[in-house]
Amino acid sequence: MRKISIAIVALTLALAFGCKNQNQPTNASSTPNNSNNTVSTQQTTNLSPEELGELGAKIKKHPADAQKLLSEKGLTEQQFEQAVRKVAESPQDSKRYTAAYKKGKA
């Protein structure tokens, strides 16, 4: 009975340390991705709410050309979405975006 208990404890410890080691590289690899997302967000803030509104209107008019329109501004779809969300946090910026979007749609 004692040998079985020791074997179970040893197996449990081996699994615990094995799982812990697998999680560490995953966390380490996700850290650079988070910093890349921060950089991406900072890059998108170079566009004003008006520019984002105009770009959104162009994408709405020509959805098939969305990737081309975004790449002309140096953006990816995710970066554009993040920039629009950031604009949505400010009521004043939201109004500026909306006015430019409506102007671009007309």
Protein backbone atom coordinates (compact mmCIF):
# COMPACT_ATOMS: atom_id res chain seq x y z
CA MET A 1 0.00 0.00 0.00
CA ARG A 2 2.82 2.37 0.86
CA LYS A 3 4.54 1.76 -2.50
CA ILE A 4 1.32 2.55 -4.35
CA SER A 5 0.88 5.81 -2.40
CA ILE A 6 4.47 6.85 -3.16
CA ALA A 7 3.96 6.03 -6.84
CA ILE A 8 0.75 8.09 -6.96
CA VAL A 9 2.41 11.08 -5.26
CA ALA A 10 5.40 10.85 -7.61
CA LEU A 11 3.11 10.68 -10.65
CA THR A 12 1.06 13.63 -9.41
CA LEU A 13 4.18 15.74 -8.86
CA ALA A 14 5.55 14.80 -12.27
CA LEU A 15 2.29 15.83 -13.94
CA ALA A 16 2.10 19.05 -11.95
CA PHE A 17 5.61 20.11 -12.92
CA GLY A 18 5.09 18.96 -16.49
CA CYS A 19 1.96 21.07 -16.87
CA LYS A 20 3.62 24.05 -15.23
CA ASN A 21 6.51 23.93 -17.70
CA GLN A 22 4.12 23.77 -20.65
CA ASN A 23 2.28 26.90 -19.50
CA GLN A 24 5.40 29.04 -19.12
CA PRO A 25 6.45 29.05 -22.80
CA THR A 26 2.87 29.84 -23.78
CA ASN A 27 2.83 32.85 -21.45
CA ALA A 28 6.23 33.95 -22.65
CA SER A 29 5.15 33.77 -26.28
CA SER A 30 1.92 35.66 -25.62
CA THR A 31 3.76 38.59 -24.04
CA PRO A 32 5.32 39.75 -27.32
CA ASN A 33 1.92 39.50 -28.99
CA ASN A 34 0.47 41.81 -26.38
CA SER A 35 3.23 44.33 -26.97
CA ASN A 36 2.58 44.07 -30.73
CA ASN A 37 -1.09 44.82 -30.11
CA THR A 38 -0.07 47.88 -28.11
CA VAL A 39 2.15 49.05 -30.95
CA SER A 40 -0.66 48.41 -33.43
CA THR A 41 -3.04 50.47 -31.34
CA GLN A 42 -0.55 53.30 -31.14
CA GLN A 43 -0.08 53.23 -34.90
CA THR A 44 -3.80 53.53 -35.53
CA THR A 45 -4.09 56.64 -33.37
CA ASN A 46 -2.25 58.56 -36.08
CA LEU A 47 -5.54 58.76 -37.98
CA SER A 48 -8.02 61.40 -36.88
CA PRO A 49 -11.65 60.50 -36.22
CA GLU A 50 -12.52 62.28 -39.48
CA GLU A 51 -10.06 60.13 -41.45
CA LEU A 52 -11.42 56.99 -39.81
CA GLY A 53 -14.99 58.09 -40.61
CA GLU A 54 -14.14 58.70 -44.25
CA LEU A 55 -12.37 55.35 -44.45
CA GLY A 56 -15.36 53.62 -42.85
CA ALA A 57 -17.69 55.20 -45.41
CA LYS A 58 -15.44 54.09 -48.28
CA ILE A 59 -15.40 50.55 -46.92
CA LYS A 60 -19.19 50.63 -46.62
CA LYS A 61 -19.50 51.77 -50.25
CA HIS A 62 -16.97 49.26 -51.59
CA PRO A 63 -16.76 46.28 -49.21
CA ALA A 64 -14.89 44.17 -51.79
CA ASP A 65 -12.04 46.71 -51.72
CA ALA A 66 -11.85 46.87 -47.91
CA GLN A 67 -8.41 45.27 -47.63
CA LYS A 68 -7.01 47.54 -50.34
CA LEU A 69 -8.46 50.66 -48.69
CA LEU A 70 -7.08 49.65 -45.30
CA SER A 71 -3.64 48.82 -46.65
CA GLU A 72 -3.46 52.22 -48.38
CA LYS A 73 -3.73 53.75 -44.91
CA GLY A 74 -1.27 51.21 -43.51
CA LEU A 75 -3.90 49.44 -41.41
CA THR A 76 -5.13 45.91 -40.91
CA GLU A 77 -8.74 45.09 -40.19
CA GLN A 78 -7.93 44.62 -36.49
CA GLN A 79 -6.10 47.93 -36.27
CA PHE A 80 -9.02 49.73 -37.90
CA GLU A 81 -11.47 48.12 -35.48
CA GLN A 82 -9.28 49.07 -32.51
CA ALA A 83 -9.00 52.66 -33.73
CA VAL A 84 -12.76 52.95 -34.16
CA ARG A 85 -13.32 51.52 -30.68
CA LYS A 86 -10.87 54.02 -29.26
CA VAL A 87 -12.76 56.84 -31.01
CA ALA A 88 -16.02 55.48 -29.58
CA GLU A 89 -14.68 55.99 -26.05
CA SER A 90 -14.87 59.76 -26.47
CA PRO A 91 -18.25 61.40 -27.17
CA GLN A 92 -16.59 64.31 -29.01
CA ASP A 93 -14.48 62.01 -31.20
CA SER A 94 -17.55 59.87 -31.88
CA LYS A 95 -19.43 62.90 -33.18
CA ARG A 96 -16.49 63.83 -35.41
CA TYR A 97 -16.30 60.26 -36.73
CA THR A 98 -20.04 60.13 -37.38
CA ALA A 99 -20.05 63.46 -39.22
CA ALA A 100 -17.18 62.37 -41.46
CA TYR A 101 -18.82 58.98 -42.03
CA LYS A 102 -22.11 60.58 -43.11
CA LYS A 103 -20.26 63.08 -45.30
CA GLY A 104 -18.33 60.24 -46.94
CA LYS A 105 -21.52 58.24 -47.57
CA ALA A 106 -23.20 61.12 -49.42
